[in-house]
């Protein structure tokens, strides 16, 4: 399973994620991050199956060029997400943090949010961590906290950002 954490800060969006892949019996660390920069101006984080992550990351998703982020989310990303089925994403675009579910529906969830099996622990950690810490430090500590509670969340942790 997974934990993806997002923070809006100073006009940028930061996403962090673990690399654990698990099922009912096993857990292992994968090489490919669950968070990445897409097209230079969007950050994506996926809680779903390995196939869903690969299809979204290496498939036919167009980059965001200009215009309203909501148009790109609705016209370009949502149809692909609907085809993938049971998947949850955090997306940072235009300085805002969005949550998308398998229906393709989205909502602005900033200034901070987490998804995946480790989300509750991560959100609790974000709540008690000082705002004076950098976004990267808060994300890393939230993921670490989640990994201490959930066996299906584990390092290494990846953190990416876009303005």
C-alpha atoms as a PDB file:
ATOM      1  CA  UNK A   1       0.000   0.000   0.000  1.00  0.00           C
ATOM      2  CA  UNK A   2       1.216   3.542   0.337  1.00  0.00           C
ATOM      3  CA  UNK A   3       1.333   6.997   1.802  1.00  0.00           C
ATOM      4  CA  UNK A   4       1.442  10.156  -0.305  1.00  0.00           C
ATOM      5  CA  UNK A   5       1.673  13.526   1.474  1.00  0.00           C
ATOM      6  CA  UNK A   6       1.139  16.931  -0.132  1.00  0.00           C
ATOM      7  CA  UNK A   7       1.719  20.491   1.080  1.00  0.00           C
ATOM      8  CA  UNK A   8       1.035  23.881  -0.530  1.00  0.00           C
ATOM      9  CA  UNK A   9       3.661  26.415   0.541  1.00  0.00           C
ATOM     10  CA  UNK A  10       4.693  29.771  -0.889  1.00  0.00           C
ATOM     11  CA  UNK A  11       3.042  29.259  -4.297  1.00  0.00           C
ATOM     12  CA  UNK A  12       4.605  25.799  -4.742  1.00  0.00           C
ATOM     13  CA  UNK A  13       3.234  22.302  -4.180  1.00  0.00           C
ATOM     14  CA  UNK A  14       5.335  19.556  -2.590  1.00  0.00           C
ATOM     15  CA  UNK A  15       4.503  15.851  -2.737  1.00  0.00           C
ATOM     16  CA  UNK A  16       6.237  13.041  -0.926  1.00  0.00           C
ATOM     17  CA  UNK A  17       5.697   9.311  -1.080  1.00  0.00           C
ATOM     18  CA  UNK A  18       7.061   6.002   0.065  1.00  0.00           C
ATOM     19  CA  UNK A  19       8.088   3.112  -2.200  1.00  0.00           C
ATOM     20  CA  UNK A  20       6.463   0.128  -0.496  1.00  0.00           C
ATOM     21  CA  UNK A  21       4.491  -2.317  -2.625  1.00  0.00           C
ATOM     22  CA  UNK A  22       2.461  -4.833  -0.635  1.00  0.00           C
ATOM     23  CA  UNK A  23      -0.347  -7.329  -0.634  1.00  0.00           C
ATOM     24  CA  UNK A  24      -1.901  -9.397   2.163  1.00  0.00           C
ATOM     25  CA  UNK A  25       1.242 -11.467   2.636  1.00  0.00           C
ATOM     26  CA  UNK A  26       4.314  -9.604   1.425  1.00  0.00           C
ATOM     27  CA  UNK A  27       5.829  -6.143   1.228  1.00  0.00           C
ATOM     28  CA  UNK A  28       8.858  -4.958  -0.712  1.00  0.00           C
ATOM     29  CA  UNK A  29      10.450  -1.711  -1.886  1.00  0.00           C
ATOM     30  CA  UNK A  30      10.137  -0.801  -5.542  1.00  0.00           C
ATOM     31  CA  UNK A  31      12.603   1.215  -7.595  1.00  0.00           C
ATOM     32  CA  UNK A  32      10.174   3.657  -9.214  1.00  0.00           C
ATOM     33  CA  UNK A  33       8.853   6.540  -7.078  1.00  0.00           C
ATOM     34  CA  UNK A  34       5.111   6.948  -6.534  1.00  0.00           C
ATOM     35  CA  UNK A  35       5.501  10.741  -6.848  1.00  0.00           C
ATOM     36  CA  UNK A  36       6.940  12.538  -9.868  1.00  0.00           C
ATOM     37  CA  UNK A  37       7.013  15.776 -11.860  1.00  0.00           C
ATOM     38  CA  UNK A  38       4.971  15.562 -15.060  1.00  0.00           C
ATOM     39  CA  UNK A  39       5.704  17.949 -17.926  1.00  0.00           C
ATOM     40  CA  UNK A  40       7.722  20.293 -15.727  1.00  0.00           C
ATOM     41  CA  UNK A  41       4.748  21.954 -14.018  1.00  0.00           C
ATOM     42  CA  UNK A  42       2.602  19.242 -12.408  1.00  0.00           C
ATOM     43  CA  UNK A  43       3.397  16.879  -9.528  1.00  0.00           C
ATOM     44  CA  UNK A  44       1.519  13.607  -9.259  1.00  0.00           C
ATOM     45  CA  UNK A  45       1.313  11.050  -6.455  1.00  0.00           C
ATOM     46  CA  UNK A  46      -0.515   7.731  -6.807  1.00  0.00           C
ATOM     47  CA  UNK A  47      -2.094   5.361  -4.304  1.00  0.00           C
ATOM     48  CA  UNK A  48      -3.113   2.334  -6.333  1.00  0.00           C
ATOM     49  CA  UNK A  49      -1.707  -0.733  -7.986  1.00  0.00           C
ATOM     50  CA  UNK A  50       1.675  -0.909  -9.649  1.00  0.00           C
ATOM     51  CA  UNK A  51      -0.040  -1.285 -13.040  1.00  0.00           C
ATOM     52  CA  UNK A  52      -2.109   1.860 -12.431  1.00  0.00           C
ATOM     53  CA  UNK A  53       0.972   3.840 -11.447  1.00  0.00           C
ATOM     54  CA  UNK A  54       2.864   2.692 -14.547  1.00  0.00           C
ATOM     55  CA  UNK A  55      -0.080   3.312 -16.878  1.00  0.00           C
ATOM     56  CA  UNK A  56      -0.470   6.855 -15.560  1.00  0.00           C
ATOM     57  CA  UNK A  57       3.234   7.676 -15.444  1.00  0.00           C
ATOM     58  CA  UNK A  58       4.286   6.159 -18.773  1.00  0.00           C
ATOM     59  CA  UNK A  59       0.973   6.282 -20.659  1.00  0.00           C
ATOM     60  CA  UNK A  60      -0.821   8.890 -22.719  1.00  0.00           C
ATOM     61  CA  UNK A  61      -1.255  11.703 -20.197  1.00  0.00           C
ATOM     62  CA  UNK A  62      -0.721  15.104 -21.811  1.00  0.00           C
ATOM     63  CA  UNK A  63       1.215  17.830 -20.051  1.00  0.00           C
ATOM     64  CA  UNK A  64      -0.415  20.962 -18.667  1.00  0.00           C
ATOM     65  CA  UNK A  65       0.391  23.919 -20.912  1.00  0.00           C
ATOM     66  CA  UNK A  66      -1.566  27.067 -20.131  1.00  0.00           C
ATOM     67  CA  UNK A  67      -5.032  27.863 -18.882  1.00  0.00           C
ATOM     68  CA  UNK A  68      -6.960  26.847 -15.823  1.00  0.00           C
ATOM     69  CA  UNK A  69      -5.670  23.828 -13.898  1.00  0.00           C
ATOM     70  CA  UNK A  70      -9.276  22.683 -13.453  1.00  0.00           C
ATOM     71  CA  UNK A  71      -9.651  22.358 -17.232  1.00  0.00           C
ATOM     72  CA  UNK A  72      -6.579  20.107 -17.442  1.00  0.00           C
ATOM     73  CA  UNK A  73      -7.810  18.042 -14.489  1.00  0.00           C
ATOM     74  CA  UNK A  74     -11.250  17.640 -16.091  1.00  0.00           C
ATOM     75  CA  UNK A  75     -10.346  17.229 -19.766  1.00  0.00           C
ATOM     76  CA  UNK A  76      -6.975  15.453 -19.689  1.00  0.00           C
ATOM     77  CA  UNK A  77      -6.457  13.704 -16.357  1.00  0.00           C
ATOM     78  CA  UNK A  78      -9.979  12.669 -15.272  1.00  0.00           C
ATOM     79  CA  UNK A  79     -10.757  10.435 -18.296  1.00  0.00           C
ATOM     80  CA  UNK A  80      -7.515   8.488 -17.781  1.00  0.00           C
ATOM     81  CA  UNK A  81      -8.158   8.152 -14.057  1.00  0.00           C
ATOM     82  CA  UNK A  82     -11.689   6.833 -14.705  1.00  0.00           C
ATOM     83  CA  UNK A  83     -10.248   4.163 -17.029  1.00  0.00           C
ATOM     84  CA  UNK A  84      -7.825   3.040 -14.296  1.00  0.00           C
ATOM     85  CA  UNK A  85     -10.564   2.200 -11.798  1.00  0.00           C
ATOM     86  CA  UNK A  86      -9.909   2.114  -8.048  1.00  0.00           C
ATOM     87  CA  UNK A  87      -7.117   4.681  -7.754  1.00  0.00           C
ATOM     88  CA  UNK A  88      -6.501   7.801  -5.685  1.00  0.00           C
ATOM     89  CA  UNK A  89      -4.177  10.663  -6.623  1.00  0.00           C
ATOM     90  CA  UNK A  90      -2.746  13.842  -5.192  1.00  0.00           C
ATOM     91  CA  UNK A  91      -1.954  16.434  -7.849  1.00  0.00           C
ATOM     92  CA  UNK A  92      -0.115  19.714  -7.474  1.00  0.00           C
ATOM     93  CA  UNK A  93      -0.703  22.232 -10.223  1.00  0.00           C
ATOM     94  CA  UNK A  94      -0.764  26.032 -10.346  1.00  0.00           C
ATOM     95  CA  UNK A  95       0.249  26.269  -6.672  1.00  0.00           C
ATOM     96  CA  UNK A  96      -2.787  24.244  -5.525  1.00  0.00           C
ATOM     97  CA  UNK A  97      -3.143  20.710  -4.163  1.00  0.00           C
ATOM     98  CA  UNK A  98      -5.941  18.495  -5.528  1.00  0.00           C
ATOM     99  CA  UNK A  99      -7.306  15.077  -4.566  1.00  0.00           C
ATOM    100  CA  UNK A 100      -8.705  12.866  -7.354  1.00  0.00           C
ATOM    101  CA  UNK A 101     -10.601   9.628  -6.895  1.00  0.00           C
ATOM    102  CA  UNK A 102     -11.327   6.770  -9.295  1.00  0.00           C
ATOM    103  CA  UNK A 103     -14.402   8.551 -10.675  1.00  0.00           C
ATOM    104  CA  UNK A 104     -12.199  11.381 -11.931  1.00  0.00           C
ATOM    105  CA  UNK A 105     -13.802  13.818  -9.526  1.00  0.00           C
ATOM    106  CA  UNK A 106     -11.426  16.269  -7.868  1.00  0.00           C
ATOM    107  CA  UNK A 107     -11.355  18.726  -5.012  1.00  0.00           C
ATOM    108  CA  UNK A 108      -8.880  21.343  -3.828  1.00  0.00           C
ATOM    109  CA  UNK A 109      -7.621  19.934  -0.505  1.00  0.00           C
ATOM    110  CA  UNK A 110      -4.781  22.293   0.395  1.00  0.00           C
ATOM    111  CA  UNK A 111      -2.879  23.463   2.270  1.00  0.00           C
ATOM    112  CA  UNK A 112      -1.979  19.859   3.235  1.00  0.00           C
ATOM    113  CA  UNK A 113      -3.404  16.404   2.669  1.00  0.00           C
ATOM    114  CA  UNK A 114      -2.426  12.732   2.590  1.00  0.00           C
ATOM    115  CA  UNK A 115      -3.746   9.632   0.816  1.00  0.00           C
ATOM    116  CA  UNK A 116      -3.180   5.893   1.056  1.00  0.00           C
ATOM    117  CA  UNK A 117      -3.186   3.430   3.919  1.00  0.00           C
ATOM    118  CA  UNK A 118      -0.782   5.598   5.915  1.00  0.00           C
ATOM    119  CA  UNK A 119      -2.746   8.819   5.461  1.00  0.00           C
ATOM    120  CA  UNK A 120      -4.212   9.060   8.976  1.00  0.00           C
ATOM    121  CA  UNK A 121      -0.826   8.767  10.680  1.00  0.00           C
ATOM    122  CA  UNK A 122       0.706  11.240   8.227  1.00  0.00           C
ATOM    123  CA  UNK A 123      -2.084  13.783   8.714  1.00  0.00           C
ATOM    124  CA  UNK A 124      -1.696  13.504  12.480  1.00  0.00           C
ATOM    125  CA  UNK A 125       2.041  14.127  12.177  1.00  0.00           C
ATOM    126  CA  UNK A 126       1.484  17.132   9.888  1.00  0.00           C
ATOM    127  CA  UNK A 127      -0.946  18.555  12.414  1.00  0.00           C
ATOM    128  CA  UNK A 128       1.588  18.557  15.246  1.00  0.00           C
ATOM    129  CA  UNK A 129       4.672  19.559  13.251  1.00  0.00           C
ATOM    130  CA  UNK A 130       5.621  23.221  13.388  1.00  0.00           C
ATOM    131  CA  UNK A 131       4.754  25.347  10.393  1.00  0.00           C
ATOM    132  CA  UNK A 132       8.220  26.898  10.658  1.00  0.00           C
ATOM    133  CA  UNK A 133       9.765  23.687   9.329  1.00  0.00           C
ATOM    134  CA  UNK A 134      10.277  23.423   5.584  1.00  0.00           C
ATOM    135  CA  UNK A 135       7.665  21.587   3.534  1.00  0.00           C
ATOM    136  CA  UNK A 136      10.221  18.891   2.728  1.00  0.00           C
ATOM    137  CA  UNK A 137      11.027  18.310   6.408  1.00  0.00           C
ATOM    138  CA  UNK A 138       7.352  18.149   7.387  1.00  0.00           C
ATOM    139  CA  UNK A 139       6.647  15.649   4.590  1.00  0.00           C
ATOM    140  CA  UNK A 140       9.634  13.468   5.465  1.00  0.00           C
ATOM    141  CA  UNK A 141       8.653  13.426   9.154  1.00  0.00           C
ATOM    142  CA  UNK A 142       5.014  12.647   8.324  1.00  0.00           C
ATOM    143  CA  UNK A 143       6.069   9.737   6.103  1.00  0.00           C
ATOM    144  CA  UNK A 144       8.467   8.483   8.770  1.00  0.00           C
ATOM    145  CA  UNK A 145       5.706   8.619  11.376  1.00  0.00           C
ATOM    146  CA  UNK A 146       3.383   6.708   9.072  1.00  0.00           C
ATOM    147  CA  UNK A 147       6.041   4.059   8.399  1.00  0.00           C
ATOM    148  CA  UNK A 148       6.453   3.459  12.126  1.00  0.00           C
ATOM    149  CA  UNK A 149       2.755   2.663  12.453  1.00  0.00           C
ATOM    150  CA  UNK A 150       2.030   0.927   9.133  1.00  0.00           C
ATOM    151  CA  UNK A 151       4.053  -2.044   7.848  1.00  0.00           C
ATOM    152  CA  UNK A 152       2.875  -1.206   4.324  1.00  0.00           C
ATOM    153  CA  UNK A 153       4.597   2.213   4.295  1.00  0.00           C
ATOM    154  CA  UNK A 154       8.395   2.226   4.117  1.00  0.00           C
ATOM    155  CA  UNK A 155      11.415   4.255   2.995  1.00  0.00           C
ATOM    156  CA  UNK A 156      13.025   5.391   0.880  1.00  0.00           C
ATOM    157  CA  UNK A 157      10.891   8.508   0.653  1.00  0.00           C
ATOM    158  CA  UNK A 158      10.799  10.684  -2.463  1.00  0.00           C
ATOM    159  CA  UNK A 159       9.860  14.380  -2.423  1.00  0.00           C
ATOM    160  CA  UNK A 160       9.151  16.471  -5.529  1.00  0.00           C
ATOM    161  CA  UNK A 161       7.810  19.992  -6.070  1.00  0.00           C
ATOM    162  CA  UNK A 162       6.666  22.481  -8.677  1.00  0.00           C
ATOM    163  CA  UNK A 163       5.880  26.200  -8.471  1.00  0.00           C
END
